[in-house]
Amino acid sequence: MIARRSFLMQAGVAVAAAVSGPTLVAQRANAQTPAAAGDPRDTFRLAVAGYTFNKFKLDQTLEMLKKVDVRYLCIKDFHLPLTSNEEEIAAFHAKCKSFNVTGYGVGPIYMGSEQQVNDAFAYAKRVGVKVLVGVPFKMDGKKRVSSPELLKLIHDKVQEYNIKYAIHNHGPDMPELFPTAESGIELIQNLDKRVGLCFDIGHQLRDGKDPVKAMVDFAERVHDIHIKNVTEATKQGRAIEMPRGAIDMPAFVRVLRQVKYSGMCSLEYEKDMNDPLLGVAESIGYFRGLMDATRT
């Protein structure tokens, strides 16, 4: 009963915060709930993937993160271009810090050549992150397909830079470009273990695969997670608020604890992208409730 009550409280606070603005968020922060403060019993943290806010400028993005009290952001290049110099990167980090947000990783970055791989790793180093989410591809006619050749270079780069590389799976929409966790693991299993996955659980289900099973099977190679929910386990599955979809989210959070996952769980919310805040708040509140209810 206590866990359920706490779960509902967390979800309700997040949605109300999106509507009520910073006053309620400040009250929540002052209460120092485990999810807000970062409970030491948690090995993973809640974040947001920058793509969620691809219609918004950085200031607007940070304002929305403040409303839902999320402290970590995976940086997309439309907020911080790959050509950014050290001064521009310092200004970006300062702006994030003013909202109590840390940019923990970069990407996804599409890489179709050796030069683009080199540029992406140099960018990640300048930004000062330890996770680079990427999609290494080559062209097959007019289609992008997975590139084992670039993965060999990426293997060398993770050793040179000590930056984890996380391949983003794309589901049935791009069947030749890392559609599932399994397709990624097949190509990287003999590479440095710092070459791993940014595991998109929604695309995994849309390709007919079980995200919970994949998390168990490939835990040591999962370096980042895009959390979301989708309406059904088919290509027609579409993004939806996290409590309402077909993924067994309680089971997924429990397995994160079981395998002691220690990375970020970044919400990538792809519904209502012109006005995402309420859906983001509902999803964040629900996931926080699951974190609270499964914490021991």
C-alpha atoms as a PDB file:
ATOM      1  CA  MET A   1       0.000   0.000   0.000  1.00  0.00           C
ATOM      2  CA  ILE A   2       2.826   2.400   0.848  1.00  0.00           C
ATOM      3  CA  ALA A   3       4.593   1.725  -2.458  1.00  0.00           C
ATOM      4  CA  ARG A   4       1.368   2.247  -4.415  1.00  0.00           C
ATOM      5  CA  ARG A   5       0.579   5.482  -2.590  1.00  0.00           C
ATOM      6  CA  SER A   6       4.099   6.795  -3.231  1.00  0.00           C
ATOM      7  CA  PHE A   7       3.851   5.732  -6.870  1.00  0.00           C
ATOM      8  CA  LEU A   8       0.636   7.694  -7.369  1.00  0.00           C
ATOM      9  CA  MET A   9       2.030  10.705  -5.552  1.00  0.00           C
ATOM     10  CA  GLN A  10       5.114  10.813  -7.774  1.00  0.00           C
ATOM     11  CA  ALA A  11       3.059  10.571 -10.968  1.00  0.00           C
ATOM     12  CA  GLY A  12       0.578  13.174  -9.837  1.00  0.00           C
ATOM     13  CA  VAL A  13       3.262  15.655  -8.820  1.00  0.00           C
ATOM     14  CA  ALA A  14       4.983  15.475 -12.194  1.00  0.00           C
ATOM     15  CA  VAL A  15       1.809  16.123 -14.189  1.00  0.00           C
ATOM     16  CA  ALA A  16       0.714  18.880 -11.841  1.00  0.00           C
ATOM     17  CA  ALA A  17       4.151  20.476 -12.082  1.00  0.00           C
ATOM     18  CA  ALA A  18       3.835  20.742 -15.853  1.00  0.00           C
ATOM     19  CA  VAL A  19       0.588  22.641 -15.413  1.00  0.00           C
ATOM     20  CA  SER A  20       1.441  24.678 -12.322  1.00  0.00           C
ATOM     21  CA  GLY A  21       4.972  25.692 -13.239  1.00  0.00           C
ATOM     22  CA  PRO A  22       8.040  26.338 -11.081  1.00  0.00           C
ATOM     23  CA  THR A  23       6.278  26.901  -7.746  1.00  0.00           C
ATOM     24  CA  LEU A  24       5.205  23.292  -7.437  1.00  0.00           C
ATOM     25  CA  VAL A  25       8.577  22.079  -8.681  1.00  0.00           C
ATOM     26  CA  ALA A  26      10.312  24.092  -5.971  1.00  0.00           C
ATOM     27  CA  GLN A  27       8.042  22.566  -3.329  1.00  0.00           C
ATOM     28  CA  ARG A  28       8.863  19.108  -4.657  1.00  0.00           C
ATOM     29  CA  ALA A  29      12.598  19.813  -4.658  1.00  0.00           C
ATOM     30  CA  ASN A  30      12.433  21.123  -1.099  1.00  0.00           C
ATOM     31  CA  ALA A  31      10.719  17.906  -0.040  1.00  0.00           C
ATOM     32  CA  GLN A  32      13.836  16.020  -1.253  1.00  0.00           C
ATOM     33  CA  THR A  33      11.987  12.958  -2.493  1.00  0.00           C
ATOM     34  CA  PRO A  34      14.315  10.109  -3.475  1.00  0.00           C
ATOM     35  CA  ALA A  35      13.677  10.550  -7.197  1.00  0.00           C
ATOM     36  CA  ALA A  36      14.474  14.262  -7.063  1.00  0.00           C
ATOM     37  CA  ALA A  37      17.539  14.042  -4.855  1.00  0.00           C
ATOM     38  CA  GLY A  38      19.020  10.901  -6.397  1.00  0.00           C
ATOM     39  CA  ASP A  39      18.528   7.992  -4.057  1.00  0.00           C
ATOM     40  CA  PRO A  40      21.787   6.167  -3.290  1.00  0.00           C
ATOM     41  CA  ARG A  41      19.973   2.860  -3.709  1.00  0.00           C
ATOM     42  CA  ASP A  42      19.444   3.630  -7.407  1.00  0.00           C
ATOM     43  CA  THR A  43      22.177   2.551  -9.801  1.00  0.00           C
ATOM     44  CA  PHE A  44      20.506   4.349 -12.742  1.00  0.00           C
ATOM     45  CA  ARG A  45      19.167   7.860 -13.260  1.00  0.00           C
ATOM     46  CA  LEU A  46      16.254   9.392 -15.116  1.00  0.00           C
ATOM     47  CA  ALA A  47      17.053  11.697 -18.033  1.00  0.00           C
ATOM     48  CA  VAL A  48      15.545  13.038 -21.240  1.00  0.00           C
ATOM     49  CA  ALA A  49      16.828  12.442 -24.765  1.00  0.00           C
ATOM     50  CA  GLY A  50      17.345  15.726 -26.587  1.00  0.00           C
ATOM     51  CA  TYR A  51      15.354  14.543 -29.618  1.00  0.00           C
ATOM     52  CA  THR A  52      12.215  14.873 -27.478  1.00  0.00           C
ATOM     53  CA  PHE A  53      12.567  18.649 -27.841  1.00  0.00           C
ATOM     54  CA  ASN A  54      13.659  18.865 -31.474  1.00  0.00           C
ATOM     55  CA  LYS A  55      11.076  21.593 -32.109  1.00  0.00           C
ATOM     56  CA  PHE A  56      12.395  23.800 -29.316  1.00  0.00           C
ATOM     57  CA  LYS A  57      15.404  25.981 -28.609  1.00  0.00           C
ATOM     58  CA  LEU A  58      17.716  25.220 -25.706  1.00  0.00           C
ATOM     59  CA  ASP A  59      16.139  27.739 -23.313  1.00  0.00           C
ATOM     60  CA  GLN A  60      12.684  26.310 -23.949  1.00  0.00           C
ATOM     61  CA  THR A  61      13.996  22.778 -23.484  1.00  0.00           C
ATOM     62  CA  LEU A  62      15.617  23.636 -20.172  1.00  0.00           C
ATOM     63  CA  GLU A  63      12.455  25.354 -18.962  1.00  0.00           C
ATOM     64  CA  MET A  64      10.486  22.173 -19.632  1.00  0.00           C
ATOM     65  CA  LEU A  65      13.098  20.020 -17.910  1.00  0.00           C
ATOM     66  CA  LYS A  66      12.831  22.330 -14.918  1.00  0.00           C
ATOM     67  CA  LYS A  67       9.050  21.941 -14.836  1.00  0.00           C
ATOM     68  CA  VAL A  68       9.343  18.137 -14.615  1.00  0.00           C
ATOM     69  CA  ASP A  69      12.464  18.277 -12.408  1.00  0.00           C
ATOM     70  CA  VAL A  70      14.726  16.221 -14.658  1.00  0.00           C
ATOM     71  CA  ARG A  71      18.433  16.871 -14.152  1.00  0.00           C
ATOM     72  CA  TYR A  72      20.096  15.044 -17.072  1.00  0.00           C
ATOM     73  CA  LEU A  73      19.956  15.615 -20.843  1.00  0.00           C
ATOM     74  CA  CYS A  74      21.433  13.703 -23.772  1.00  0.00           C
ATOM     75  CA  ILE A  75      22.593  16.505 -26.068  1.00  0.00           C
ATOM     76  CA  LYS A  76      21.441  16.705 -29.673  1.00  0.00           C
ATOM     77  CA  ASP A  77      23.382  18.683 -32.240  1.00  0.00           C
ATOM     78  CA  PHE A  78      20.489  21.073 -32.900  1.00  0.00           C
ATOM     79  CA  HIS A  79      21.110  22.377 -29.367  1.00  0.00           C
ATOM     80  CA  LEU A  80      24.911  22.162 -29.566  1.00  0.00           C
ATOM     81  CA  PRO A  81      26.272  21.813 -33.119  1.00  0.00           C
ATOM     82  CA  LEU A  82      29.081  19.365 -33.865  1.00  0.00           C
ATOM     83  CA  THR A  83      31.252  22.301 -34.960  1.00  0.00           C
ATOM     84  CA  SER A  84      30.958  24.044 -31.572  1.00  0.00           C
ATOM     85  CA  ASN A  85      34.199  25.429 -30.191  1.00  0.00           C
ATOM     86  CA  GLU A  86      35.317  25.375 -26.558  1.00  0.00           C
ATOM     87  CA  GLU A  87      33.816  28.794 -25.803  1.00  0.00           C
ATOM     88  CA  GLU A  88      30.435  27.797 -27.224  1.00  0.00           C
ATOM     89  CA  ILE A  89      30.518  24.507 -25.328  1.00  0.00           C
ATOM     90  CA  ALA A  90      31.369  26.300 -22.080  1.00  0.00           C
ATOM     91  CA  ALA A  91      28.425  28.659 -22.603  1.00  0.00           C
ATOM     92  CA  PHE A  92      26.139  25.685 -23.272  1.00  0.00           C
ATOM     93  CA  HIS A  93      27.183  23.952 -20.049  1.00  0.00           C
ATOM     94  CA  ALA A  94      26.798  27.174 -18.084  1.00  0.00           C
ATOM     95  CA  LYS A  95      23.260  27.627 -19.396  1.00  0.00           C
ATOM     96  CA  CYS A  96      22.389  24.029 -18.480  1.00  0.00           C
ATOM     97  CA  LYS A  97      23.903  24.455 -15.016  1.00  0.00           C
ATOM     98  CA  SER A  98      21.715  27.506 -14.406  1.00  0.00           C
ATOM     99  CA  PHE A  99      18.729  25.155 -14.762  1.00  0.00           C
ATOM    100  CA  ASN A 100      20.387  22.429 -12.666  1.00  0.00           C
ATOM    101  CA  VAL A 101      20.765  20.233 -15.748  1.00  0.00           C
ATOM    102  CA  THR A 102      23.825  18.217 -16.806  1.00  0.00           C
ATOM    103  CA  GLY A 103      24.459  17.150 -20.385  1.00  0.00           C
ATOM    104  CA  TYR A 104      25.609  13.572 -19.832  1.00  0.00           C
ATOM    105  CA  GLY A 105      25.973  12.324 -23.399  1.00  0.00           C
ATOM    106  CA  VAL A 106      25.677  13.332 -27.053  1.00  0.00           C
ATOM    107  CA  GLY A 107      23.633  11.948 -29.917  1.00  0.00           C
ATOM    108  CA  PRO A 108      22.315  10.125 -31.722  1.00  0.00           C
ATOM    109  CA  ILE A 109      24.872  11.144 -34.325  1.00  0.00           C
ATOM    110  CA  TYR A 110      24.697   9.509 -37.751  1.00  0.00           C
ATOM    111  CA  MET A 111      28.136   8.583 -39.114  1.00  0.00           C
ATOM    112  CA  GLY A 112      28.586   7.563 -42.712  1.00  0.00           C
ATOM    113  CA  SER A 113      32.346   7.937 -43.128  1.00  0.00           C
ATOM    114  CA  GLU A 114      35.629   7.660 -41.249  1.00  0.00           C
ATOM    115  CA  GLN A 115      35.815  11.451 -41.077  1.00  0.00           C
ATOM    116  CA  GLN A 116      32.364  11.636 -39.460  1.00  0.00           C
ATOM    117  CA  VAL A 117      33.418   9.049 -36.868  1.00  0.00           C
ATOM    118  CA  ASN A 118      36.560  11.052 -36.106  1.00  0.00           C
ATOM    119  CA  ASP A 119      34.576  14.294 -35.877  1.00  0.00           C
ATOM    120  CA  ALA A 120      31.968  12.768 -33.568  1.00  0.00           C
ATOM    121  CA  PHE A 121      34.521  11.451 -31.088  1.00  0.00           C
ATOM    122  CA  ALA A 122      36.422  14.741 -31.117  1.00  0.00           C
ATOM    123  CA  TYR A 123      33.119  16.545 -30.464  1.00  0.00           C
ATOM    124  CA  ALA A 124      32.237  14.228 -27.563  1.00  0.00           C
ATOM    125  CA  LYS A 125      35.652  14.858 -26.037  1.00  0.00           C
ATOM    126  CA  ARG A 126      35.273  18.644 -26.358  1.00  0.00           C
ATOM    127  CA  VAL A 127      31.825  18.477 -24.789  1.00  0.00           C
ATOM    128  CA  GLY A 128      33.261  16.383 -21.957  1.00  0.00           C
ATOM    129  CA  VAL A 129      30.828  13.462 -21.991  1.00  0.00           C
ATOM    130  CA  LYS A 130      31.466   9.761 -21.527  1.00  0.00           C
ATOM    131  CA  VAL A 131      28.673   8.414 -23.756  1.00  0.00           C
ATOM    132  CA  LEU A 132      28.371   8.904 -27.506  1.00  0.00           C
ATOM    133  CA  VAL A 133      25.129   7.643 -29.018  1.00  0.00           C
ATOM    134  CA  GLY A 134      25.685   6.888 -32.669  1.00  0.00           C
ATOM    135  CA  VAL A 135      24.493   5.195 -35.831  1.00  0.00           C
ATOM    136  CA  PRO A 136      27.358   3.988 -38.066  1.00  0.00           C
ATOM    137  CA  PHE A 137      26.061   3.413 -41.580  1.00  0.00           C
ATOM    138  CA  LYS A 138      27.059   2.946 -45.193  1.00  0.00           C
ATOM    139  CA  MET A 139      24.977   3.497 -48.305  1.00  0.00           C
ATOM    140  CA  ASP A 140      23.436   0.599 -50.216  1.00  0.00           C
ATOM    141  CA  GLY A 141      21.947   2.390 -53.158  1.00  0.00           C
ATOM    142  CA  LYS A 142      19.703   4.991 -51.548  1.00  0.00           C
ATOM    143  CA  LYS A 143      19.395   3.122 -48.231  1.00  0.00           C
ATOM    144  CA  ARG A 144      21.416   3.490 -45.061  1.00  0.00           C
ATOM    145  CA  VAL A 145      22.551   0.104 -43.763  1.00  0.00           C
ATOM    146  CA  SER A 146      24.664  -0.960 -40.773  1.00  0.00           C
ATOM    147  CA  SER A 147      28.417  -0.564 -41.279  1.00  0.00           C
ATOM    148  CA  PRO A 148      30.678  -3.271 -39.818  1.00  0.00           C
ATOM    149  CA  GLU A 149      33.614  -1.432 -41.398  1.00  0.00           C
ATOM    150  CA  LEU A 150      33.042   1.754 -39.391  1.00  0.00           C
ATOM    151  CA  LEU A 151      32.519  -0.311 -36.252  1.00  0.00           C
ATOM    152  CA  LYS A 152      36.134  -1.465 -36.517  1.00  0.00           C
ATOM    153  CA  LEU A 153      37.230   2.173 -36.432  1.00  0.00           C
ATOM    154  CA  ILE A 154      34.843   2.880 -33.553  1.00  0.00           C
ATOM    155  CA  HIS A 155      36.444  -0.023 -31.656  1.00  0.00           C
ATOM    156  CA  ASP A 156      39.765   1.816 -31.911  1.00  0.00           C
ATOM    157  CA  LYS A 157      38.230   5.171 -31.003  1.00  0.00           C
ATOM    158  CA  VAL A 158      36.666   4.013 -27.739  1.00  0.00           C
ATOM    159  CA  GLN A 159      40.105   2.800 -26.689  1.00  0.00           C
ATOM    160  CA  GLU A 160      41.731   6.070 -27.718  1.00  0.00           C
ATOM    161  CA  TYR A 161      39.169   8.340 -26.030  1.00  0.00           C
ATOM    162  CA  ASN A 162      37.738   6.073 -23.297  1.00  0.00           C
ATOM    163  CA  ILE A 163      34.260   7.160 -24.367  1.00  0.00           C
ATOM    164  CA  LYS A 164      31.476   4.594 -24.540  1.00  0.00           C
ATOM    165  CA  TYR A 165      29.791   4.231 -27.915  1.00  0.00           C
ATOM    166  CA  ALA A 166      26.107   3.337 -27.843  1.00  0.00           C
ATOM    167  CA  ILE A 167      24.413   2.179 -31.061  1.00  0.00           C
ATOM    168  CA  HIS A 168      20.795   3.288 -31.326  1.00  0.00           C
ATOM    169  CA  ASN A 169      18.445   0.576 -32.642  1.00  0.00           C
ATOM    170  CA  HIS A 170      15.813   1.765 -35.118  1.00  0.00           C
ATOM    171  CA  GLY A 171      13.096  -0.885 -35.246  1.00  0.00           C
ATOM    172  CA  PRO A 172      11.188  -2.159 -38.273  1.00  0.00           C
ATOM    173  CA  ASP A 173      11.174   1.201 -40.072  1.00  0.00           C
ATOM    174  CA  MET A 174      14.873   0.696 -40.891  1.00  0.00           C
ATOM    175  CA  PRO A 175      15.356  -3.083 -41.042  1.00  0.00           C
ATOM    176  CA  GLU A 176      18.916  -2.807 -42.405  1.00  0.00           C
ATOM    177  CA  LEU A 177      20.054  -0.182 -39.858  1.00  0.00           C
ATOM    178  CA  PHE A 178      20.285  -1.852 -36.437  1.00  0.00           C
ATOM    179  CA  PRO A 179      16.559  -2.639 -36.080  1.00  0.00           C
ATOM    180  CA  THR A 180      16.939  -4.486 -32.767  1.00  0.00           C
ATOM    181  CA  ALA A 181      19.328  -4.949 -29.889  1.00  0.00           C
ATOM    182  CA  GLU A 182      20.111  -8.398 -31.268  1.00  0.00           C
ATOM    183  CA  SER A 183      21.175  -7.003 -34.645  1.00  0.00           C
ATOM    184  CA  GLY A 184      23.576  -4.626 -32.941  1.00  0.00           C
ATOM    185  CA  ILE A 185      25.054  -7.259 -30.641  1.00  0.00           C
ATOM    186  CA  GLU A 186      25.681  -9.546 -33.611  1.00  0.00           C
ATOM    187  CA  LEU A 187      28.037  -6.969 -35.112  1.00  0.00           C
ATOM    188  CA  ILE A 188      29.787  -5.793 -31.938  1.00  0.00           C
ATOM    189  CA  GLN A 189      30.123  -8.959 -29.853  1.00  0.00           C
ATOM    190  CA  ASN A 190      33.837  -9.278 -30.600  1.00  0.00           C
ATOM    191  CA  LEU A 191      34.630  -5.577 -30.159  1.00  0.00           C
ATOM    192  CA  ASP A 192      35.699  -3.632 -27.081  1.00  0.00           C
ATOM    193  CA  LYS A 193      32.866  -3.799 -24.551  1.00  0.00           C
ATOM    194  CA  ARG A 194      32.731  -0.024 -24.500  1.00  0.00           C
ATOM    195  CA  VAL A 195      31.078  -0.410 -27.914  1.00  0.00           C
ATOM    196  CA  GLY A 196      27.506  -1.176 -26.937  1.00  0.00           C
ATOM    197  CA  LEU A 197      23.893  -0.122 -27.269  1.00  0.00           C
ATOM    198  CA  CYS A 198      21.640   2.828 -26.753  1.00  0.00           C
ATOM    199  CA  PHE A 199      18.708   0.503 -26.220  1.00  0.00           C
ATOM    200  CA  ASP A 200      15.455   1.951 -27.592  1.00  0.00           C
ATOM    201  CA  ILE A 201      12.837  -0.225 -25.912  1.00  0.00           C
ATOM    202  CA  GLY A 202       9.969   1.101 -28.025  1.00  0.00           C
ATOM    203  CA  HIS A 203      11.608   0.183 -31.328  1.00  0.00           C
ATOM    204  CA  GLN A 204      12.567  -3.184 -29.846  1.00  0.00           C
ATOM    205  CA  LEU A 205       8.916  -4.002 -29.159  1.00  0.00           C
ATOM    206  CA  ARG A 206       7.760  -2.634 -32.519  1.00  0.00           C
ATOM    207  CA  ASP A 207      10.095  -5.187 -34.117  1.00  0.00           C
ATOM    208  CA  GLY A 208       8.379  -7.983 -32.210  1.00  0.00           C
ATOM    209  CA  LYS A 209      11.128  -8.444 -29.626  1.00  0.00           C
ATOM    210  CA  ASP A 210      10.837  -8.407 -25.835  1.00  0.00           C
ATOM    211  CA  PRO A 211      12.681  -5.442 -24.259  1.00  0.00           C
ATOM    212  CA  VAL A 212      12.813  -7.155 -20.862  1.00  0.00           C
ATOM    213  CA  LYS A 213      14.512 -10.258 -22.250  1.00  0.00           C
ATOM    214  CA  ALA A 214      16.984  -8.183 -24.257  1.00  0.00           C
ATOM    215  CA  MET A 215      17.925  -6.200 -21.149  1.00  0.00           C
ATOM    216  CA  VAL A 216      18.697  -9.437 -19.330  1.00  0.00           C
ATOM    217  CA  ASP A 217      20.621 -10.906 -22.246  1.00  0.00           C
ATOM    218  CA  PHE A 218      22.724  -7.863 -23.135  1.00  0.00           C
ATOM    219  CA  ALA A 219      22.990  -5.884 -19.895  1.00  0.00           C
ATOM    220  CA  GLU A 220      26.773  -5.518 -19.983  1.00  0.00           C
ATOM    221  CA  ARG A 221      26.600  -3.931 -23.453  1.00  0.00           C
ATOM    222  CA  VAL A 222      23.776  -1.469 -22.701  1.00  0.00           C
ATOM    223  CA  HIS A 223      25.394   1.946 -22.173  1.00  0.00           C
ATOM    224  CA  ASP A 224      22.278   4.121 -22.542  1.00  0.00           C
ATOM    225  CA  ILE A 225      18.523   3.525 -22.730  1.00  0.00           C
ATOM    226  CA  HIS A 226      15.778   5.394 -24.536  1.00  0.00           C
ATOM    227  CA  ILE A 227      12.667   4.754 -22.495  1.00  0.00           C
ATOM    228  CA  LYS A 228       9.258   5.190 -24.104  1.00  0.00           C
ATOM    229  CA  ASN A 229       6.102   3.250 -24.715  1.00  0.00           C
ATOM    230  CA  VAL A 230       4.271   2.281 -27.897  1.00  0.00           C
ATOM    231  CA  THR A 231       0.733   1.164 -28.647  1.00  0.00           C
ATOM    232  CA  GLU A 232       1.479  -2.310 -30.018  1.00  0.00           C
ATOM    233  CA  ALA A 233       4.215  -4.829 -30.805  1.00  0.00           C
ATOM    234  CA  THR A 234       4.123  -4.256 -34.568  1.00  0.00           C
ATOM    235  CA  LYS A 235       5.533  -1.815 -37.084  1.00  0.00           C
ATOM    236  CA  GLN A 236       2.257   0.092 -36.721  1.00  0.00           C
ATOM    237  CA  GLY A 237       2.943   0.690 -33.026  1.00  0.00           C
ATOM    238  CA  ARG A 238       3.057   4.410 -32.334  1.00  0.00           C
ATOM    239  CA  ALA A 239       4.432   6.484 -29.494  1.00  0.00           C
ATOM    240  CA  ILE A 240       2.168   7.009 -26.512  1.00  0.00           C
ATOM    241  CA  GLU A 241       2.373   8.231 -22.928  1.00  0.00           C
ATOM    242  CA  MET A 242       4.337   5.720 -20.918  1.00  0.00           C
ATOM    243  CA  PRO A 243       1.580   4.364 -18.617  1.00  0.00           C
ATOM    244  CA  ARG A 244      -0.706   3.494 -21.554  1.00  0.00           C
ATOM    245  CA  GLY A 245       1.421   1.415 -23.893  1.00  0.00           C
ATOM    246  CA  ALA A 246       2.126  -2.244 -24.598  1.00  0.00           C
ATOM    247  CA  ILE A 247       5.549  -2.513 -22.900  1.00  0.00           C
ATOM    248  CA  ASP A 248       5.489  -4.046 -19.429  1.00  0.00           C
ATOM    249  CA  MET A 249       7.198  -1.075 -17.808  1.00  0.00           C
ATOM    250  CA  PRO A 250       7.074  -2.407 -14.210  1.00  0.00           C
ATOM    251  CA  ALA A 251       8.838  -5.574 -15.378  1.00  0.00           C
ATOM    252  CA  PHE A 252      11.399  -3.505 -17.266  1.00  0.00           C
ATOM    253  CA  VAL A 253      12.243  -1.361 -14.243  1.00  0.00           C
ATOM    254  CA  ARG A 254      12.512  -4.449 -12.065  1.00  0.00           C
ATOM    255  CA  VAL A 255      14.982  -6.000 -14.501  1.00  0.00           C
ATOM    256  CA  LEU A 256      17.055  -2.794 -14.507  1.00  0.00           C
ATOM    257  CA  ARG A 257      17.490  -3.333 -10.793  1.00  0.00           C
ATOM    258  CA  GLN A 258      18.121  -7.049 -11.253  1.00  0.00           C
ATOM    259  CA  VAL A 259      21.022  -6.503 -13.675  1.00  0.00           C
ATOM    260  CA  LYS A 260      22.241  -3.424 -11.757  1.00  0.00           C
ATOM    261  CA  TYR A 261      22.106  -1.176 -14.808  1.00  0.00           C
ATOM    262  CA  SER A 262      24.171   1.922 -14.015  1.00  0.00           C
ATOM    263  CA  GLY A 263      23.497   4.258 -16.937  1.00  0.00           C
ATOM    264  CA  MET A 264      20.764   6.726 -17.811  1.00  0.00           C
ATOM    265  CA  CYS A 265      17.152   6.046 -18.696  1.00  0.00           C
ATOM    266  CA  SER A 266      16.393   8.863 -21.124  1.00  0.00           C
ATOM    267  CA  LEU A 267      12.793   9.518 -22.045  1.00  0.00           C
ATOM    268  CA  GLU A 268      12.485   9.882 -25.812  1.00  0.00           C
ATOM    269  CA  TYR A 269       8.933  11.118 -26.206  1.00  0.00           C
ATOM    270  CA  GLU A 270       7.879  11.201 -29.855  1.00  0.00           C
ATOM    271  CA  LYS A 271       4.181  12.026 -29.541  1.00  0.00           C
ATOM    272  CA  ASP A 272       2.815  15.590 -29.750  1.00  0.00           C
ATOM    273  CA  MET A 273       6.273  16.893 -30.551  1.00  0.00           C
ATOM    274  CA  ASN A 274       4.985  20.420 -31.137  1.00  0.00           C
ATOM    275  CA  ASP A 275       3.517  20.456 -27.620  1.00  0.00           C
ATOM    276  CA  PRO A 276       5.069  17.585 -25.637  1.00  0.00           C
ATOM    277  CA  LEU A 277       5.125  18.863 -22.064  1.00  0.00           C
ATOM    278  CA  LEU A 278       2.026  17.174 -20.635  1.00  0.00           C
ATOM    279  CA  GLY A 279       2.937  13.810 -22.168  1.00  0.00           C
ATOM    280  CA  VAL A 280       6.510  14.172 -20.965  1.00  0.00           C
ATOM    281  CA  ALA A 281       5.259  15.002 -17.464  1.00  0.00           C
ATOM    282  CA  GLU A 282       2.899  12.032 -17.389  1.00  0.00           C
ATOM    283  CA  SER A 283       5.640   9.675 -18.577  1.00  0.00           C
ATOM    284  CA  ILE A 284       8.265  11.062 -16.192  1.00  0.00           C
ATOM    285  CA  GLY A 285       5.861  10.876 -13.249  1.00  0.00           C
ATOM    286  CA  TYR A 286       4.948   7.291 -14.074  1.00  0.00           C
ATOM    287  CA  PHE A 287       8.575   6.194 -14.417  1.00  0.00           C
ATOM    288  CA  ARG A 288       9.478   7.927 -11.160  1.00  0.00           C
ATOM    289  CA  GLY A 289       6.640   6.066  -9.500  1.00  0.00           C
ATOM    290  CA  LEU A 290       8.010   2.773 -10.829  1.00  0.00           C
ATOM    291  CA  MET A 291      11.471   3.653  -9.542  1.00  0.00           C
ATOM    292  CA  ASP A 292      10.004   4.407  -6.129  1.00  0.00           C
ATOM    293  CA  ALA A 293       7.816   1.303  -6.014  1.00  0.00           C
ATOM    294  CA  THR A 294      10.661  -1.056  -6.982  1.00  0.00           C
ATOM    295  CA  ARG A 295      13.290   0.443  -4.706  1.00  0.00           C
ATOM    296  CA  THR A 296      14.370  -1.721  -1.759  1.00  0.00           C
END
